[in-house]
C-alpha cells in the first residue's frame, strides 16, 4: 500500500502538468487553403453577394441594420471596423452571419481575414 501512494502522486502530477492550451489552428490545421491573391472582385464581392447582399438582408434596398454589402464602400466599412470578422466567426457580442445559417468554413474565413489584414483593398 505504501508503494501505491508515490505511484498515484506521480500519475496525478503528470496529468496536471501534461495539459496545455493549443490553438484551434494548431490542433486542426487547414489542409489546403490557398490564401494567395485574394481580391475583392474575385472572392470577397462574390461571397458577399452569395451570403450577405441578398434581397432580404444587406443589399442597397433592404440594408438590414443599415449595413449595405452590395458595394465596396459598405464592405470596406465593416471589414475595417471589425464587424465583418466578428459576425462571420460568430464571435460573442456580434450577430452571427450569415443569418440562420452555419458559420462559413475555416478556409473561407481565413481568406476573408487575409484580405482584411491586407487593408481590404479594392482590387
PDB file of N, CA and C in Angstrom:
ATOM      1  N   UNK A   1       0.813  -1.183   0.000  1.00  0.00           N
ATOM      2  CA  UNK A   1       0.000   0.000   0.000  1.00  0.00           C
ATOM      3  C   UNK A   1       0.860   1.251   0.000  1.00  0.00           C
ATOM      4  N   UNK A   2       1.996   1.225   0.733  1.00  0.00           N
ATOM      5  CA  UNK A   2       2.867   2.383   0.795  1.00  0.00           C
ATOM      6  C   UNK A   2       3.427   2.728  -0.580  1.00  0.00           C
ATOM      7  N   UNK A   3       3.622   1.725  -1.385  1.00  0.00           N
ATOM      8  CA  UNK A   3       4.192   1.929  -2.703  1.00  0.00           C
ATOM      9  C   UNK A   3       3.185   2.569  -3.653  1.00  0.00           C
ATOM     10  N   UNK A   4       1.912   2.363  -3.472  1.00  0.00           N
ATOM     11  CA  UNK A   4       0.900   2.888  -4.384  1.00  0.00           C
ATOM     12  C   UNK A   4       0.711   4.397  -4.232  1.00  0.00           C
ATOM     13  N   UNK A   5       1.014   4.951  -3.072  1.00  0.00           N
ATOM     14  CA  UNK A   5       0.859   6.399  -2.870  1.00  0.00           C
ATOM     15  C   UNK A   5       1.815   7.185  -3.771  1.00  0.00           C
ATOM     16  N   UNK A   6       3.121   6.840  -3.834  1.00  0.00           N
ATOM     17  CA  UNK A   6       4.010   7.574  -4.748  1.00  0.00           C
ATOM     18  C   UNK A   6       3.582   7.407  -6.220  1.00  0.00           C
ATOM     19  N   UNK A   7       3.129   6.223  -6.583  1.00  0.00           N
ATOM     20  CA  UNK A   7       2.705   5.987  -7.965  1.00  0.00           C
ATOM     21  C   UNK A   7       1.495   6.852  -8.287  1.00  0.00           C
ATOM     22  N   UNK A   8       0.526   6.913  -7.391  1.00  0.00           N
ATOM     23  CA  UNK A   8      -0.647   7.746  -7.608  1.00  0.00           C
ATOM     24  C   UNK A   8      -0.272   9.225  -7.658  1.00  0.00           C
ATOM     25  N   UNK A   9       0.652   9.633  -6.811  1.00  0.00           N
ATOM     26  CA  UNK A   9       1.110  11.021  -6.818  1.00  0.00           C
ATOM     27  C   UNK A   9       1.786  11.361  -8.137  1.00  0.00           C
ATOM     28  N   UNK A  10       2.597  10.456  -8.633  1.00  0.00           N
ATOM     29  CA  UNK A  10       3.274  10.666  -9.908  1.00  0.00           C
ATOM     30  C   UNK A  10       2.260  10.770 -11.048  1.00  0.00           C
ATOM     31  N   UNK A  11       1.290   9.881 -11.070  1.00  0.00           N
ATOM     32  CA  UNK A  11       0.258   9.935 -12.112  1.00  0.00           C
ATOM     33  C   UNK A  11      -0.537  11.233 -12.051  1.00  0.00           C
ATOM     34  N   UNK A  12      -0.870  11.664 -10.870  1.00  0.00           N
ATOM     35  CA  UNK A  12      -1.592  12.921 -10.697  1.00  0.00           C
ATOM     36  C   UNK A  12      -0.753  14.096 -11.173  1.00  0.00           C
ATOM     37  N   UNK A  13       0.516  14.101 -10.827  1.00  0.00           N
ATOM     38  CA  UNK A  13       1.410  15.189 -11.245  1.00  0.00           C
ATOM     39  C   UNK A  13       1.550  15.229 -12.764  1.00  0.00           C
ATOM     40  N   UNK A  14       1.702  14.076 -13.389  1.00  0.00           N
ATOM     41  CA  UNK A  14       1.805  14.021 -14.848  1.00  0.00           C
ATOM     42  C   UNK A  14       0.526  14.485 -15.522  1.00  0.00           C
ATOM     43  N   UNK A  15      -0.591  14.115 -14.960  1.00  0.00           N
ATOM     44  CA  UNK A  15      -1.877  14.512 -15.520  1.00  0.00           C
ATOM     45  C   UNK A  15      -2.055  16.020 -15.454  1.00  0.00           C
ATOM     46  N   UNK A  16      -1.723  16.615 -14.330  1.00  0.00           N
ATOM     47  CA  UNK A  16      -1.926  18.053 -14.159  1.00  0.00           C
ATOM     48  C   UNK A  16      -0.924  18.883 -14.947  1.00  0.00           C
ATOM     49  N   UNK A  17       0.302  18.409 -15.089  1.00  0.00           N
ATOM     50  CA  UNK A  17       1.307  19.187 -15.807  1.00  0.00           C
ATOM     51  C   UNK A  17       1.313  18.888 -17.290  1.00  0.00           C
ATOM     52  N   UNK A  18       0.629  17.865 -17.711  1.00  0.00           N
ATOM     53  CA  UNK A  18       0.609  17.495 -19.121  1.00  0.00           C
ATOM     54  C   UNK A  18      -0.415  18.260 -19.926  1.00  0.00           C
ATOM     55  N   UNK A  19      -1.233  19.082 -19.300  1.00  0.00           N
ATOM     56  CA  UNK A  19      -2.264  19.823 -20.011  1.00  0.00           C
ATOM     57  C   UNK A  19      -1.738  21.185 -20.430  1.00  0.00           C
ATOM     58  N   UNK A  20      -2.064  21.597 -21.612  1.00  0.00           N
ATOM     59  CA  UNK A  20      -1.742  22.929 -22.076  1.00  0.00           C
ATOM     60  C   UNK A  20      -2.785  23.330 -23.112  1.00  0.00           C
ATOM     61  N   UNK A  21      -2.804  24.573 -23.473  1.00  0.00           N
ATOM     62  CA  UNK A  21      -3.836  25.106 -24.354  1.00  0.00           C
ATOM     63  C   UNK A  21      -3.292  25.269 -25.766  1.00  0.00           C
ATOM     64  N   UNK A  22      -3.695  24.403 -26.661  1.00  0.00           N
ATOM     65  CA  UNK A  22      -3.349  24.537 -28.071  1.00  0.00           C
ATOM     66  C   UNK A  22      -4.376  25.419 -28.749  1.00  0.00           C
ATOM     67  N   UNK A  23      -3.958  26.126 -29.756  1.00  0.00           N
ATOM     68  CA  UNK A  23      -4.918  26.899 -30.536  1.00  0.00           C
ATOM     69  C   UNK A  23      -5.645  25.961 -31.484  1.00  0.00           C
ATOM     70  N   UNK A  24      -6.805  26.404 -31.942  1.00  0.00           N
ATOM     71  CA  UNK A  24      -7.589  25.607 -32.887  1.00  0.00           C
ATOM     72  C   UNK A  24      -6.763  25.318 -34.146  1.00  0.00           C
ATOM     73  N   UNK A  25      -5.992  26.314 -34.600  1.00  0.00           N
ATOM     74  CA  UNK A  25      -5.189  26.153 -35.800  1.00  0.00           C
ATOM     75  C   UNK A  25      -4.109  25.097 -35.617  1.00  0.00           C
ATOM     76  N   UNK A  26      -3.532  25.024 -34.401  1.00  0.00           N
ATOM     77  CA  UNK A  26      -2.513  24.017 -34.134  1.00  0.00           C
ATOM     78  C   UNK A  26      -3.110  22.616 -34.098  1.00  0.00           C
ATOM     79  N   UNK A  27      -4.290  22.506 -33.517  1.00  0.00           N
ATOM     80  CA  UNK A  27      -4.919  21.195 -33.387  1.00  0.00           C
ATOM     81  C   UNK A  27      -5.547  20.719 -34.691  1.00  0.00           C
ATOM     82  N   UNK A  28      -6.127  21.643 -35.446  1.00  0.00           N
ATOM     83  CA  UNK A  28      -6.846  21.291 -36.678  1.00  0.00           C
ATOM     84  C   UNK A  28      -6.388  22.192 -37.816  1.00  0.00           C
ATOM     85  N   UNK A  29      -5.197  21.978 -38.337  1.00  0.00           N
ATOM     86  CA  UNK A  29      -4.715  22.852 -39.399  1.00  0.00           C
ATOM     87  C   UNK A  29      -5.565  22.718 -40.660  1.00  0.00           C
ATOM     88  N   UNK A  30      -5.712  23.819 -41.370  1.00  0.00           N
ATOM     89  CA  UNK A  30      -6.450  23.798 -42.622  1.00  0.00           C
ATOM     90  C   UNK A  30      -5.534  23.176 -43.659  1.00  0.00           C
ATOM     91  N   UNK A  31      -5.967  22.058 -44.203  1.00  0.00           N
ATOM     92  CA  UNK A  31      -5.110  21.254 -45.061  1.00  0.00           C
ATOM     93  C   UNK A  31      -4.621  22.010 -46.299  1.00  0.00           C
ATOM     94  N   UNK A  32      -5.498  22.471 -47.125  1.00  0.00           N
ATOM     95  CA  UNK A  32      -5.074  23.127 -48.357  1.00  0.00           C
ATOM     96  C   UNK A  32      -5.975  24.322 -48.618  1.00  0.00           C
ATOM     97  N   UNK A  33      -5.621  25.426 -48.042  1.00  0.00           N
ATOM     98  CA  UNK A  33      -6.394  26.651 -48.196  1.00  0.00           C
ATOM     99  C   UNK A  33      -5.488  27.695 -48.834  1.00  0.00           C
ATOM    100  N   UNK A  34      -5.725  27.986 -50.091  1.00  0.00           N
ATOM    101  CA  UNK A  34      -4.911  28.944 -50.825  1.00  0.00           C
ATOM    102  C   UNK A  34      -5.327  30.363 -50.450  1.00  0.00           C
ATOM    103  N   UNK A  35      -4.465  31.049 -49.746  1.00  0.00           N
ATOM    104  CA  UNK A  35      -4.767  32.421 -49.333  1.00  0.00           C
ATOM    105  C   UNK A  35      -3.977  33.444 -50.141  1.00  0.00           C
ATOM    106  N   UNK A  36      -3.376  32.991 -51.214  1.00  0.00           N
ATOM    107  CA  UNK A  36      -2.653  33.935 -52.065  1.00  0.00           C
ATOM    108  C   UNK A  36      -3.630  34.579 -53.044  1.00  0.00           C
ATOM    109  N   UNK A  37      -3.377  35.803 -53.372  1.00  0.00           N
ATOM    110  CA  UNK A  37      -4.142  36.534 -54.384  1.00  0.00           C
ATOM    111  C   UNK A  37      -5.644  36.587 -54.079  1.00  0.00           C
ATOM    112  N   UNK A  38      -6.009  36.946 -52.862  1.00  0.00           N
ATOM    113  CA  UNK A  38      -7.412  37.139 -52.502  1.00  0.00           C
ATOM    114  C   UNK A  38      -7.779  38.559 -52.906  1.00  0.00           C
ATOM    115  N   UNK A  39      -8.734  38.691 -53.802  1.00  0.00           N
ATOM    116  CA  UNK A  39      -9.132  40.015 -54.275  1.00  0.00           C
ATOM    117  C   UNK A  39     -10.588  40.301 -53.927  1.00  0.00           C
ATOM    118  N   UNK A  40     -10.900  41.580 -53.901  1.00  0.00           N
ATOM    119  CA  UNK A  40     -12.281  41.978 -53.657  1.00  0.00           C
ATOM    120  C   UNK A  40     -13.180  41.480 -54.793  1.00  0.00           C
ATOM    121  N   UNK A  41     -12.798  41.759 -56.032  1.00  0.00           N
ATOM    122  CA  UNK A  41     -13.664  41.388 -57.164  1.00  0.00           C
ATOM    123  C   UNK A  41     -13.722  39.885 -57.397  1.00  0.00           C
ATOM    124  N   UNK A  42     -12.623  39.181 -57.122  1.00  0.00           N
ATOM    125  CA  UNK A  42     -12.591  37.749 -57.396  1.00  0.00           C
ATOM    126  C   UNK A  42     -13.107  36.865 -56.279  1.00  0.00           C
ATOM    127  N   UNK A  43     -13.085  37.344 -55.035  1.00  0.00           N
ATOM    128  CA  UNK A  43     -13.501  36.490 -53.920  1.00  0.00           C
ATOM    129  C   UNK A  43     -14.481  37.160 -52.966  1.00  0.00           C
ATOM    130  N   UNK A  44     -14.158  38.348 -52.481  1.00  0.00           N
ATOM    131  CA  UNK A  44     -14.976  38.991 -51.446  1.00  0.00           C
ATOM    132  C   UNK A  44     -16.341  39.391 -51.989  1.00  0.00           C
ATOM    133  N   UNK A  45     -16.383  40.108 -53.120  1.00  0.00           N
ATOM    134  CA  UNK A  45     -17.676  40.551 -53.673  1.00  0.00           C
ATOM    135  C   UNK A  45     -18.602  39.371 -53.984  1.00  0.00           C
ATOM    136  N   UNK A  46     -18.110  38.308 -54.648  1.00  0.00           N
ATOM    137  CA  UNK A  46     -18.997  37.154 -54.873  1.00  0.00           C
ATOM    138  C   UNK A  46     -19.478  36.500 -53.567  1.00  0.00           C
ATOM    139  N   UNK A  47     -18.612  36.437 -52.569  1.00  0.00           N
ATOM    140  CA  UNK A  47     -19.009  35.880 -51.270  1.00  0.00           C
ATOM    141  C   UNK A  47     -20.109  36.731 -50.638  1.00  0.00           C
ATOM    142  N   UNK A  48     -19.944  38.046 -50.694  1.00  0.00           N
ATOM    143  CA  UNK A  48     -20.955  38.945 -50.134  1.00  0.00           C
ATOM    144  C   UNK A  48     -22.278  38.796 -50.878  1.00  0.00           C
ATOM    145  N   UNK A  49     -22.230  38.718 -52.210  1.00  0.00           N
ATOM    146  CA  UNK A  49     -23.471  38.542 -52.999  1.00  0.00           C
ATOM    147  C   UNK A  49     -24.164  37.239 -52.634  1.00  0.00           C
ATOM    148  N   UNK A  50     -23.401  36.195 -52.463  1.00  0.00           N
ATOM    149  CA  UNK A  50     -23.964  34.873 -52.173  1.00  0.00           C
ATOM    150  C   UNK A  50     -24.484  34.761 -50.745  1.00  0.00           C
ATOM    151  N   UNK A  51     -23.739  35.300 -49.791  1.00  0.00           N
ATOM    152  CA  UNK A  51     -24.046  35.066 -48.382  1.00  0.00           C
ATOM    153  C   UNK A  51     -24.687  36.235 -47.653  1.00  0.00           C
ATOM    154  N   UNK A  52     -24.509  37.457 -48.133  1.00  0.00           N
ATOM    155  CA  UNK A  52     -24.901  38.621 -47.334  1.00  0.00           C
ATOM    156  C   UNK A  52     -25.796  39.619 -48.073  1.00  0.00           C
ATOM    157  N   UNK A  53     -25.404  39.989 -49.271  1.00  0.00           N
ATOM    158  CA  UNK A  53     -26.111  41.037 -50.004  1.00  0.00           C
ATOM    159  C   UNK A  53     -27.235  40.454 -50.844  1.00  0.00           C
ATOM    160  N   UNK A  54     -28.146  39.769 -50.176  1.00  0.00           N
ATOM    161  CA  UNK A  54     -29.292  39.191 -50.866  1.00  0.00           C
ATOM    162  C   UNK A  54     -30.465  40.155 -50.760  1.00  0.00           C
ATOM    163  N   UNK A  55     -31.549  39.841 -51.446  1.00  0.00           N
ATOM    164  CA  UNK A  55     -32.703  40.743 -51.466  1.00  0.00           C
ATOM    165  C   UNK A  55     -33.422  40.835 -50.129  1.00  0.00           C
ATOM    166  N   UNK A  56     -33.031  40.032 -49.160  1.00  0.00           N
ATOM    167  CA  UNK A  56     -33.681  40.097 -47.845  1.00  0.00           C
ATOM    168  C   UNK A  56     -32.733  40.518 -46.733  1.00  0.00           C
ATOM    169  N   UNK A  57     -31.496  40.827 -47.069  1.00  0.00           N
ATOM    170  CA  UNK A  57     -30.543  41.119 -45.990  1.00  0.00           C
ATOM    171  C   UNK A  57     -29.821  42.447 -46.163  1.00  0.00           C
ATOM    172  N   UNK A  58     -28.673  42.433 -46.798  1.00  0.00           N
ATOM    173  CA  UNK A  58     -27.796  43.602 -46.796  1.00  0.00           C
ATOM    174  C   UNK A  58     -27.540  44.169 -48.183  1.00  0.00           C
ATOM    175  N   UNK A  59     -28.552  44.151 -49.057  1.00  0.00           N
ATOM    176  CA  UNK A  59     -28.385  44.861 -50.321  1.00  0.00           C
ATOM    177  C   UNK A  59     -28.843  46.302 -50.133  1.00  0.00           C
ATOM    178  N   UNK A  60     -28.670  47.132 -51.136  1.00  0.00           N
ATOM    179  CA  UNK A  60     -28.996  48.547 -51.016  1.00  0.00           C
ATOM    180  C   UNK A  60     -30.475  48.771 -50.708  1.00  0.00           C
ATOM    181  N   UNK A  61     -31.349  47.913 -51.201  1.00  0.00           N
ATOM    182  CA  UNK A  61     -32.790  48.093 -50.997  1.00  0.00           C
ATOM    183  C   UNK A  61     -33.236  47.745 -49.578  1.00  0.00           C
ATOM    184  N   UNK A  62     -32.645  46.723 -48.978  1.00  0.00           N
ATOM    185  CA  UNK A  62     -33.093  46.296 -47.648  1.00  0.00           C
ATOM    186  C   UNK A  62     -32.223  46.844 -46.523  1.00  0.00           C
ATOM    187  N   UNK A  63     -30.932  46.841 -46.685  1.00  0.00           N
ATOM    188  CA  UNK A  63     -29.966  47.396 -45.727  1.00  0.00           C
ATOM    189  C   UNK A  63     -30.295  47.047 -44.280  1.00  0.00           C
ATOM    190  N   UNK A  64     -30.430  45.766 -44.006  1.00  0.00           N
ATOM    191  CA  UNK A  64     -30.696  45.322 -42.645  1.00  0.00           C
ATOM    192  C   UNK A  64     -29.635  45.873 -41.702  1.00  0.00           C
ATOM    193  N   UNK A  65     -30.078  46.454 -40.583  1.00  0.00           N
ATOM    194  CA  UNK A  65     -29.211  47.101 -39.595  1.00  0.00           C
ATOM    195  C   UNK A  65     -28.368  48.231 -40.212  1.00  0.00           C
ATOM    196  N   UNK A  66     -28.865  48.803 -41.296  1.00  0.00           N
ATOM    197  CA  UNK A  66     -28.168  49.869 -42.029  1.00  0.00           C
ATOM    198  C   UNK A  66     -26.807  49.431 -42.562  1.00  0.00           C
ATOM    199  N   UNK A  67     -26.667  48.152 -42.835  1.00  0.00           N
ATOM    200  CA  UNK A  67     -25.433  47.619 -43.402  1.00  0.00           C
ATOM    201  C   UNK A  67     -25.710  47.234 -44.851  1.00  0.00           C
ATOM    202  N   UNK A  68     -24.951  47.823 -45.762  1.00  0.00           N
ATOM    203  CA  UNK A  68     -25.096  47.549 -47.191  1.00  0.00           C
ATOM    204  C   UNK A  68     -23.821  46.874 -47.674  1.00  0.00           C
ATOM    205  N   UNK A  69     -23.989  45.663 -48.205  1.00  0.00           N
ATOM    206  CA  UNK A  69     -22.817  44.888 -48.610  1.00  0.00           C
ATOM    207  C   UNK A  69     -22.809  44.548 -50.096  1.00  0.00           C
ATOM    208  N   UNK A  70     -23.570  45.301 -50.890  1.00  0.00           N
ATOM    209  CA  UNK A  70     -23.549  45.055 -52.324  1.00  0.00           C
ATOM    210  C   UNK A  70     -22.639  46.032 -53.055  1.00  0.00           C
ATOM    211  N   UNK A  71     -21.792  46.746 -52.298  1.00  0.00           N
ATOM    212  CA  UNK A  71     -20.821  47.648 -52.899  1.00  0.00           C
ATOM    213  C   UNK A  71     -19.568  47.680 -52.031  1.00  0.00           C
ATOM    214  N   UNK A  72     -18.477  48.114 -52.644  1.00  0.00           N
ATOM    215  CA  UNK A  72     -17.188  48.103 -51.952  1.00  0.00           C
ATOM    216  C   UNK A  72     -17.188  48.984 -50.704  1.00  0.00           C
ATOM    217  N   UNK A  73     -17.763  50.168 -50.783  1.00  0.00           N
ATOM    218  CA  UNK A  73     -17.734  51.097 -49.640  1.00  0.00           C
ATOM    219  C   UNK A  73     -18.377  50.472 -48.409  1.00  0.00           C
ATOM    220  N   UNK A  74     -19.503  49.802 -48.577  1.00  0.00           N
ATOM    221  CA  UNK A  74     -20.180  49.163 -47.447  1.00  0.00           C
ATOM    222  C   UNK A  74     -19.377  48.011 -46.874  1.00  0.00           C
ATOM    223  N   UNK A  75     -18.789  47.212 -47.757  1.00  0.00           N
ATOM    224  CA  UNK A  75     -17.973  46.077 -47.312  1.00  0.00           C
ATOM    225  C   UNK A  75     -16.722  46.587 -46.602  1.00  0.00           C
ATOM    226  N   UNK A  76     -16.086  47.609 -47.155  1.00  0.00           N
ATOM    227  CA  UNK A  76     -14.885  48.173 -46.558  1.00  0.00           C
ATOM    228  C   UNK A  76     -15.152  48.654 -45.137  1.00  0.00           C
ATOM    229  N   UNK A  77     -16.273  49.325 -44.936  1.00  0.00           N
ATOM    230  CA  UNK A  77     -16.598  49.856 -43.608  1.00  0.00           C
ATOM    231  C   UNK A  77     -16.642  48.762 -42.553  1.00  0.00           C
ATOM    232  N   UNK A  78     -17.373  47.676 -42.825  1.00  0.00           N
ATOM    233  CA  UNK A  78     -17.475  46.627 -41.802  1.00  0.00           C
ATOM    234  C   UNK A  78     -16.214  45.774 -41.725  1.00  0.00           C
ATOM    235  N   UNK A  79     -15.446  45.733 -42.815  1.00  0.00           N
ATOM    236  CA  UNK A  79     -14.181  44.992 -42.779  1.00  0.00           C
ATOM    237  C   UNK A  79     -13.198  45.683 -41.847  1.00  0.00           C
ATOM    238  N   UNK A  80     -13.139  47.006 -41.936  1.00  0.00           N
ATOM    239  CA  UNK A  80     -12.143  47.741 -41.155  1.00  0.00           C
ATOM    240  C   UNK A  80     -12.556  48.019 -39.719  1.00  0.00           C
ATOM    241  N   UNK A  81     -13.875  47.991 -39.436  1.00  0.00           N
ATOM    242  CA  UNK A  81     -14.288  48.258 -38.050  1.00  0.00           C
ATOM    243  C   UNK A  81     -14.442  46.978 -37.226  1.00  0.00           C
ATOM    244  N   UNK A  82     -14.143  45.818 -37.802  1.00  0.00           N
ATOM    245  CA  UNK A  82     -14.167  44.555 -37.075  1.00  0.00           C
ATOM    246  C   UNK A  82     -15.493  43.823 -37.082  1.00  0.00           C
ATOM    247  N   UNK A  83     -16.536  44.466 -37.589  1.00  0.00           N
ATOM    248  CA  UNK A  83     -17.847  43.817 -37.581  1.00  0.00           C
ATOM    249  C   UNK A  83     -17.896  42.599 -38.498  1.00  0.00           C
ATOM    250  N   UNK A  84     -17.184  42.641 -39.608  1.00  0.00           N
ATOM    251  CA  UNK A  84     -17.204  41.510 -40.532  1.00  0.00           C
ATOM    252  C   UNK A  84     -16.592  40.282 -39.873  1.00  0.00           C
ATOM    253  N   UNK A  85     -15.423  40.445 -39.302  1.00  0.00           N
ATOM    254  CA  UNK A  85     -14.756  39.318 -38.652  1.00  0.00           C
ATOM    255  C   UNK A  85     -15.600  38.779 -37.502  1.00  0.00           C
ATOM    256  N   UNK A  86     -16.113  39.664 -36.662  1.00  0.00           N
ATOM    257  CA  UNK A  86     -16.931  39.228 -35.530  1.00  0.00           C
ATOM    258  C   UNK A  86     -18.166  38.471 -35.956  1.00  0.00           C
ATOM    259  N   UNK A  87     -18.867  38.994 -36.955  1.00  0.00           N
ATOM    260  CA  UNK A  87     -20.103  38.358 -37.418  1.00  0.00           C
ATOM    261  C   UNK A  87     -19.825  37.031 -38.111  1.00  0.00           C
ATOM    262  N   UNK A  88     -18.827  36.989 -38.980  1.00  0.00           N
ATOM    263  CA  UNK A  88     -18.553  35.766 -39.736  1.00  0.00           C
ATOM    264  C   UNK A  88     -17.989  34.645 -38.868  1.00  0.00           C
ATOM    265  N   UNK A  89     -17.255  35.007 -37.829  1.00  0.00           N
ATOM    266  CA  UNK A  89     -16.701  33.965 -36.946  1.00  0.00           C
ATOM    267  C   UNK A  89     -17.649  33.596 -35.813  1.00  0.00           C
ATOM    268  N   UNK A  90     -18.807  34.261 -35.779  1.00  0.00           N
ATOM    269  CA  UNK A  90     -19.817  34.036 -34.734  1.00  0.00           C
ATOM    270  C   UNK A  90     -19.251  34.343 -33.354  1.00  0.00           C
ATOM    271  N   UNK A  91     -18.449  35.399 -33.274  1.00  0.00           N
ATOM    272  CA  UNK A  91     -17.843  35.810 -32.001  1.00  0.00           C
ATOM    273  C   UNK A  91     -18.907  36.365 -31.059  1.00  0.00           C
ATOM    274  N   UNK A  92     -18.666  36.245 -29.781  1.00  0.00           N
ATOM    275  CA  UNK A  92     -19.586  36.769 -28.772  1.00  0.00           C
ATOM    276  C   UNK A  92     -19.741  38.280 -28.953  1.00  0.00           C
ATOM    277  N   UNK A  93     -20.965  38.755 -28.834  1.00  0.00           N
ATOM    278  CA  UNK A  93     -21.242  40.182 -28.961  1.00  0.00           C
ATOM    279  C   UNK A  93     -21.560  40.625 -30.368  1.00  0.00           C
ATOM    280  N   UNK A  94     -21.542  39.714 -31.330  1.00  0.00           N
ATOM    281  CA  UNK A  94     -21.850  40.033 -32.720  1.00  0.00           C
ATOM    282  C   UNK A  94     -23.031  39.187 -33.182  1.00  0.00           C
ATOM    283  N   UNK A  95     -23.792  39.720 -34.142  1.00  0.00           N
ATOM    284  CA  UNK A  95     -24.840  38.918 -34.765  1.00  0.00           C
ATOM    285  C   UNK A  95     -24.154  37.888 -35.658  1.00  0.00           C
ATOM    286  N   UNK A  96     -24.387  36.587 -35.426  1.00  0.00           N
ATOM    287  CA  UNK A  96     -23.742  35.576 -36.264  1.00  0.00           C
ATOM    288  C   UNK A  96     -24.275  35.626 -37.698  1.00  0.00           C
ATOM    289  N   UNK A  97     -23.363  35.705 -38.635  1.00  0.00           N
ATOM    290  CA  UNK A  97     -23.724  35.768 -40.049  1.00  0.00           C
ATOM    291  C   UNK A  97     -23.015  34.666 -40.812  1.00  0.00           C
ATOM    292  N   UNK A  98     -23.596  34.201 -41.897  1.00  0.00           N
ATOM    293  CA  UNK A  98     -24.905  34.523 -42.443  1.00  0.00           C
ATOM    294  C   UNK A  98     -26.026  34.140 -41.475  1.00  0.00           C
ATOM    295  N   UNK A  99     -27.073  34.951 -41.493  1.00  0.00           N
ATOM    296  CA  UNK A  99     -28.188  34.773 -40.570  1.00  0.00           C
ATOM    297  C   UNK A  99     -28.861  33.418 -40.787  1.00  0.00           C
ATOM    298  N   UNK A 100     -29.143  32.759 -39.682  1.00  0.00           N
ATOM    299  CA  UNK A 100     -29.830  31.456 -39.693  1.00  0.00           C
ATOM    300  C   UNK A 100     -29.110  30.419 -40.550  1.00  0.00           C
ATOM    301  N   UNK A 101     -27.798  30.501 -40.581  1.00  0.00           N
ATOM    302  CA  UNK A 101     -27.002  29.555 -41.361  1.00  0.00           C
ATOM    303  C   UNK A 101     -25.765  29.182 -40.551  1.00  0.00           C
ATOM    304  N   UNK A 102     -25.170  28.060 -40.876  1.00  0.00           N
ATOM    305  CA  UNK A 102     -23.943  27.694 -40.157  1.00  0.00           C
ATOM    306  C   UNK A 102     -22.811  28.658 -40.484  1.00  0.00           C
ATOM    307  N   UNK A 103     -21.835  28.674 -39.623  1.00  0.00           N
ATOM    308  CA  UNK A 103     -20.647  29.500 -39.820  1.00  0.00           C
ATOM    309  C   UNK A 103     -19.956  29.080 -41.115  1.00  0.00           C
ATOM    310  N   UNK A 104     -19.378  30.035 -41.807  1.00  0.00           N
ATOM    311  CA  UNK A 104     -18.629  29.718 -43.018  1.00  0.00           C
ATOM    312  C   UNK A 104     -17.449  28.819 -42.666  1.00  0.00           C
ATOM    313  N   UNK A 105     -16.992  28.050 -43.643  1.00  0.00           N
ATOM    314  CA  UNK A 105     -15.888  27.117 -43.370  1.00  0.00           C
ATOM    315  C   UNK A 105     -14.598  27.875 -43.044  1.00  0.00           C
ATOM    316  N   UNK A 106     -13.689  27.192 -42.383  1.00  0.00           N
ATOM    317  CA  UNK A 106     -12.450  27.805 -41.894  1.00  0.00           C
ATOM    318  C   UNK A 106     -11.608  28.407 -43.015  1.00  0.00           C
ATOM    319  N   UNK A 107     -11.558  27.765 -44.160  1.00  0.00           N
ATOM    320  CA  UNK A 107     -10.763  28.288 -45.263  1.00  0.00           C
ATOM    321  C   UNK A 107     -11.348  29.610 -45.758  1.00  0.00           C
ATOM    322  N   UNK A 108     -12.646  29.686 -45.907  1.00  0.00           N
ATOM    323  CA  UNK A 108     -13.286  30.929 -46.341  1.00  0.00           C
ATOM    324  C   UNK A 108     -13.014  32.037 -45.337  1.00  0.00           C
ATOM    325  N   UNK A 109     -13.143  31.731 -44.047  1.00  0.00           N
ATOM    326  CA  UNK A 109     -12.868  32.728 -43.012  1.00  0.00           C
ATOM    327  C   UNK A 109     -11.417  33.187 -43.050  1.00  0.00           C
ATOM    328  N   UNK A 110     -10.503  32.261 -43.263  1.00  0.00           N
ATOM    329  CA  UNK A 110      -9.090  32.606 -43.347  1.00  0.00           C
ATOM    330  C   UNK A 110      -8.823  33.506 -44.546  1.00  0.00           C
ATOM    331  N   UNK A 111      -9.459  33.218 -45.663  1.00  0.00           N
ATOM    332  CA  UNK A 111      -9.280  34.032 -46.872  1.00  0.00           C
ATOM    333  C   UNK A 111      -9.825  35.445 -46.660  1.00  0.00           C
ATOM    334  N   UNK A 112     -10.985  35.553 -46.026  1.00  0.00           N
ATOM    335  CA  UNK A 112     -11.548  36.874 -45.731  1.00  0.00           C
ATOM    336  C   UNK A 112     -10.601  37.640 -44.818  1.00  0.00           C
ATOM    337  N   UNK A 113     -10.083  36.983 -43.789  1.00  0.00           N
ATOM    338  CA  UNK A 113      -9.197  37.653 -42.848  1.00  0.00           C
ATOM    339  C   UNK A 113      -7.904  38.105 -43.520  1.00  0.00           C
ATOM    340  N   UNK A 114      -7.376  37.310 -44.430  1.00  0.00           N
ATOM    341  CA  UNK A 114      -6.159  37.701 -45.158  1.00  0.00           C
ATOM    342  C   UNK A 114      -6.416  38.967 -45.966  1.00  0.00           C
ATOM    343  N   UNK A 115      -7.593  39.064 -46.593  1.00  0.00           N
ATOM    344  CA  UNK A 115      -7.955  40.258 -47.363  1.00  0.00           C
ATOM    345  C   UNK A 115      -8.061  41.468 -46.437  1.00  0.00           C
ATOM    346  N   UNK A 116      -8.707  41.288 -45.292  1.00  0.00           N
ATOM    347  CA  UNK A 116      -8.832  42.381 -44.322  1.00  0.00           C
ATOM    348  C   UNK A 116      -7.447  42.795 -43.814  1.00  0.00           C
ATOM    349  N   UNK A 117      -6.609  41.812 -43.470  1.00  0.00           N
ATOM    350  CA  UNK A 117      -5.268  42.109 -42.958  1.00  0.00           C
ATOM    351  C   UNK A 117      -4.410  42.865 -43.974  1.00  0.00           C
ATOM    352  N   UNK A 118      -4.729  42.666 -45.263  1.00  0.00           N
ATOM    353  CA  UNK A 118      -4.006  43.374 -46.322  1.00  0.00           C
ATOM    354  C   UNK A 118      -4.527  44.801 -46.506  1.00  0.00           C
ATOM    355  N   UNK A 119      -5.488  45.208 -45.684  1.00  0.00           N
ATOM    356  CA  UNK A 119      -6.044  46.558 -45.781  1.00  0.00           C
ATOM    357  C   UNK A 119      -7.344  46.616 -46.542  1.00  0.00           C
ATOM    358  N   UNK A 120      -7.926  45.455 -46.850  1.00  0.00           N
ATOM    359  CA  UNK A 120      -9.195  45.362 -47.582  1.00  0.00           C
ATOM    360  C   UNK A 120      -9.152  46.152 -48.889  1.00  0.00           C
ATOM    361  N   UNK A 121      -8.183  45.844 -49.758  1.00  0.00           N
ATOM    362  CA  UNK A 121      -8.034  46.620 -50.991  1.00  0.00           C
ATOM    363  C   UNK A 121      -9.184  46.410 -51.974  1.00  0.00           C
ATOM    364  N   UNK A 122      -9.459  47.435 -52.755  1.00  0.00           N
ATOM    365  CA  UNK A 122     -10.468  47.337 -53.812  1.00  0.00           C
ATOM    366  C   UNK A 122      -9.735  46.877 -55.081  1.00  0.00           C
ATOM    367  N   UNK A 123      -9.547  45.585 -55.165  1.00  0.00           N
ATOM    368  CA  UNK A 123      -8.801  45.027 -56.292  1.00  0.00           C
ATOM    369  C   UNK A 123      -9.586  43.947 -56.999  1.00  0.00           C
TER     370      UNK A 123
END
